[in-house]
C-alpha atoms as a PDB file:
ATOM      1  CA  MET A   1       0.000   0.000   0.000  1.00  0.00           C
ATOM      2  CA  SER A   2       1.023   3.597  -0.514  1.00  0.00           C
ATOM      3  CA  TYR A   3       0.045   6.557   1.616  1.00  0.00           C
ATOM      4  CA  SER A   4      -0.193  10.315   1.128  1.00  0.00           C
ATOM      5  CA  VAL A   5      -0.308  13.480   3.160  1.00  0.00           C
ATOM      6  CA  ILE A   6      -2.818  15.994   1.805  1.00  0.00           C
ATOM      7  CA  PHE A   7      -2.540  19.758   2.385  1.00  0.00           C
ATOM      8  CA  ILE A   8      -5.717  21.824   2.223  1.00  0.00           C
ATOM      9  CA  THR A   9      -5.976  25.528   3.021  1.00  0.00           C
ATOM     10  CA  ALA A  10      -9.302  26.851   4.278  1.00  0.00           C
ATOM     11  CA  SER A  11     -10.706  30.343   4.762  1.00  0.00           C
ATOM     12  CA  ASN A  12     -11.259  29.996   8.522  1.00  0.00           C
ATOM     13  CA  ALA A  13     -11.193  27.573  11.454  1.00  0.00           C
ATOM     14  CA  ALA A  14     -14.842  26.565  11.070  1.00  0.00           C
ATOM     15  CA  GLU A  15     -14.382  25.587   7.433  1.00  0.00           C
ATOM     16  CA  ALA A  16     -11.129  23.748   8.218  1.00  0.00           C
ATOM     17  CA  GLY A  17     -12.779  21.900  11.101  1.00  0.00           C
ATOM     18  CA  ASN A  18     -15.710  20.897   8.925  1.00  0.00           C
ATOM     19  CA  ILE A  19     -13.394  19.577   6.206  1.00  0.00           C
ATOM     20  CA  ALA A  20     -11.199  17.717   8.721  1.00  0.00           C
ATOM     21  CA  SER A  21     -14.096  16.110  10.568  1.00  0.00           C
ATOM     22  CA  SER A  22     -15.915  15.184   7.344  1.00  0.00           C
ATOM     23  CA  LEU A  23     -12.856  13.442   5.888  1.00  0.00           C
ATOM     24  CA  VAL A  24     -12.308  11.441   9.077  1.00  0.00           C
ATOM     25  CA  LYS A  25     -16.000  10.617   9.696  1.00  0.00           C
ATOM     26  CA  GLU A  26     -16.348   9.449   6.089  1.00  0.00           C
ATOM     27  CA  LYS A  27     -13.207   7.298   6.484  1.00  0.00           C
ATOM     28  CA  LEU A  28     -11.424   9.108   3.668  1.00  0.00           C
ATOM     29  CA  ALA A  29      -8.637  10.188   6.039  1.00  0.00           C
ATOM     30  CA  ALA A  30      -7.261   8.431   9.110  1.00  0.00           C
ATOM     31  CA  CYS A  31      -6.300  11.726  10.706  1.00  0.00           C
ATOM     32  CA  ALA A  32      -6.635  15.411   9.878  1.00  0.00           C
ATOM     33  CA  ASN A  33      -4.732  18.103  11.757  1.00  0.00           C
ATOM     34  CA  VAL A  34      -5.988  21.690  11.758  1.00  0.00           C
ATOM     35  CA  ALA A  35      -3.196  24.262  12.068  1.00  0.00           C
ATOM     36  CA  GLY A  36      -4.157  27.927  12.400  1.00  0.00           C
ATOM     37  CA  GLY A  37      -2.169  31.051  11.761  1.00  0.00           C
ATOM     38  CA  VAL A  38      -1.172  30.492   8.149  1.00  0.00           C
ATOM     39  CA  SER A  39      -0.463  33.685   6.233  1.00  0.00           C
ATOM     40  CA  SER A  40      -0.683  33.135   2.483  1.00  0.00           C
ATOM     41  CA  THR A  41       0.532  35.275  -0.409  1.00  0.00           C
ATOM     42  CA  TYR A  42      -0.554  34.210  -3.880  1.00  0.00           C
ATOM     43  CA  TRP A  43      -1.519  35.255  -7.392  1.00  0.00           C
ATOM     44  CA  TRP A  44      -5.272  35.457  -8.021  1.00  0.00           C
ATOM     45  CA  LYS A  45      -6.852  36.828 -11.183  1.00  0.00           C
ATOM     46  CA  GLY A  46      -3.789  38.888 -12.095  1.00  0.00           C
ATOM     47  CA  ASN A  47      -3.193  40.377  -8.638  1.00  0.00           C
ATOM     48  CA  ILE A  48      -1.036  39.476  -5.678  1.00  0.00           C
ATOM     49  CA  GLU A  49      -3.327  38.714  -2.736  1.00  0.00           C
ATOM     50  CA  THR A  50      -2.721  37.947   0.922  1.00  0.00           C
ATOM     51  CA  ALA A  51      -4.997  36.112   3.314  1.00  0.00           C
ATOM     52  CA  ASP A  52      -5.006  34.541   6.749  1.00  0.00           C
ATOM     53  CA  GLU A  53      -5.918  30.910   6.290  1.00  0.00           C
ATOM     54  CA  VAL A  54      -6.104  27.669   8.241  1.00  0.00           C
ATOM     55  CA  LEU A  55      -4.219  24.572   7.101  1.00  0.00           C
ATOM     56  CA  VAL A  56      -5.641  21.058   7.172  1.00  0.00           C
ATOM     57  CA  ILE A  57      -3.099  18.240   6.987  1.00  0.00           C
ATOM     58  CA  ALA A  58      -4.743  14.878   6.265  1.00  0.00           C
ATOM     59  CA  LYS A  59      -3.189  11.431   6.084  1.00  0.00           C
ATOM     60  CA  SER A  60      -4.690   8.679   3.949  1.00  0.00           C
ATOM     61  CA  LYS A  61      -4.144   5.989   1.356  1.00  0.00           C
ATOM     62  CA  THR A  62      -2.925   7.309  -1.983  1.00  0.00           C
ATOM     63  CA  ALA A  63      -5.783   5.401  -3.629  1.00  0.00           C
ATOM     64  CA  LEU A  64      -8.273   7.713  -1.841  1.00  0.00           C
ATOM     65  CA  VAL A  65      -6.713  11.035  -2.904  1.00  0.00           C
ATOM     66  CA  GLU A  66      -9.097  11.605  -5.832  1.00  0.00           C
ATOM     67  CA  LYS A  67     -12.112  10.952  -3.586  1.00  0.00           C
ATOM     68  CA  ILE A  68     -10.659  13.376  -1.018  1.00  0.00           C
ATOM     69  CA  ILE A  69     -10.217  16.045  -3.696  1.00  0.00           C
ATOM     70  CA  GLU A  70     -13.800  15.566  -4.846  1.00  0.00           C
ATOM     71  CA  ARG A  71     -15.182  15.723  -1.291  1.00  0.00           C
ATOM     72  CA  VAL A  72     -13.152  18.785  -0.304  1.00  0.00           C
ATOM     73  CA  ARG A  73     -14.313  20.619  -3.435  1.00  0.00           C
ATOM     74  CA  GLN A  74     -17.918  19.953  -2.337  1.00  0.00           C
ATOM     75  CA  LEU A  75     -17.264  21.328   1.164  1.00  0.00           C
ATOM     76  CA  HIS A  76     -14.942  24.241   0.315  1.00  0.00           C
ATOM     77  CA  SER A  77     -15.891  27.891  -0.143  1.00  0.00           C
ATOM     78  CA  TYR A  78     -13.053  28.723  -2.559  1.00  0.00           C
ATOM     79  CA  GLU A  79     -13.473  28.718  -6.321  1.00  0.00           C
ATOM     80  CA  VAL A  80     -10.081  26.986  -6.627  1.00  0.00           C
ATOM     81  CA  PRO A  81      -9.166  25.392  -3.288  1.00  0.00           C
ATOM     82  CA  GLU A  82      -5.636  24.263  -2.560  1.00  0.00           C
ATOM     83  CA  ILE A  83      -5.720  20.478  -2.275  1.00  0.00           C
ATOM     84  CA  ILE A  84      -2.320  18.919  -2.869  1.00  0.00           C
ATOM     85  CA  ALA A  85      -1.121  15.432  -2.045  1.00  0.00           C
ATOM     86  CA  LEU A  86       2.430  14.290  -1.457  1.00  0.00           C
ATOM     87  CA  PRO A  87       3.530  10.679  -1.136  1.00  0.00           C
ATOM     88  CA  ILE A  88       4.691   9.429   2.231  1.00  0.00           C
ATOM     89  CA  GLU A  89       8.041   7.931   1.345  1.00  0.00           C
ATOM     90  CA  SER A  90       8.665   6.318   4.712  1.00  0.00           C
ATOM     91  CA  GLY A  91       7.392   6.383   8.262  1.00  0.00           C
ATOM     92  CA  ASN A  92       6.629   4.553  11.451  1.00  0.00           C
ATOM     93  CA  LYS A  93       5.358   1.185  10.208  1.00  0.00           C
ATOM     94  CA  ALA A  94       2.826   0.982  13.038  1.00  0.00           C
ATOM     95  CA  TYR A  95       1.454   4.431  12.105  1.00  0.00           C
ATOM     96  CA  LEU A  96       1.194   3.513   8.426  1.00  0.00           C
ATOM     97  CA  GLN A  97      -0.602   0.297   9.386  1.00  0.00           C
ATOM     98  CA  TRP A  98      -2.987   2.395  11.516  1.00  0.00           C
ATOM     99  CA  ILE A  99      -3.766   4.549   8.440  1.00  0.00           C
ATOM    100  CA  GLU A 100      -4.423   1.353   6.495  1.00  0.00           C
ATOM    101  CA  GLU A 101      -6.887   0.102   9.104  1.00  0.00           C
ATOM    102  CA  SER A 102      -8.622   3.460   9.646  1.00  0.00           C
ATOM    103  CA  VAL A 103      -9.806   4.345   6.133  1.00  0.00           C
ATOM    104  CA  LEU A 104     -11.905   2.728   3.417  1.00  0.00           C
END
């Protein structure tokens, strides 16, 4: 099995909490951390924008990433939400097994 960590920025803590809890309740993610205090600078529609955001860090099977993207897009307020997945190259074998047992 392969596993991924998924980064999702949200507009506020309530939205981030809703995304995190939905992914875990629906067994799409084994765990989702919500980290506040993210200051983002980015290009949007030809302008440089800044925003205070909240970061969700989810861990799951790589095979579920597309379902996670689809679900987050349904829950998210942004027109183009940041949802990026990176492979977990290595880790605590017991933790990776826990991910395996915790999701669909």
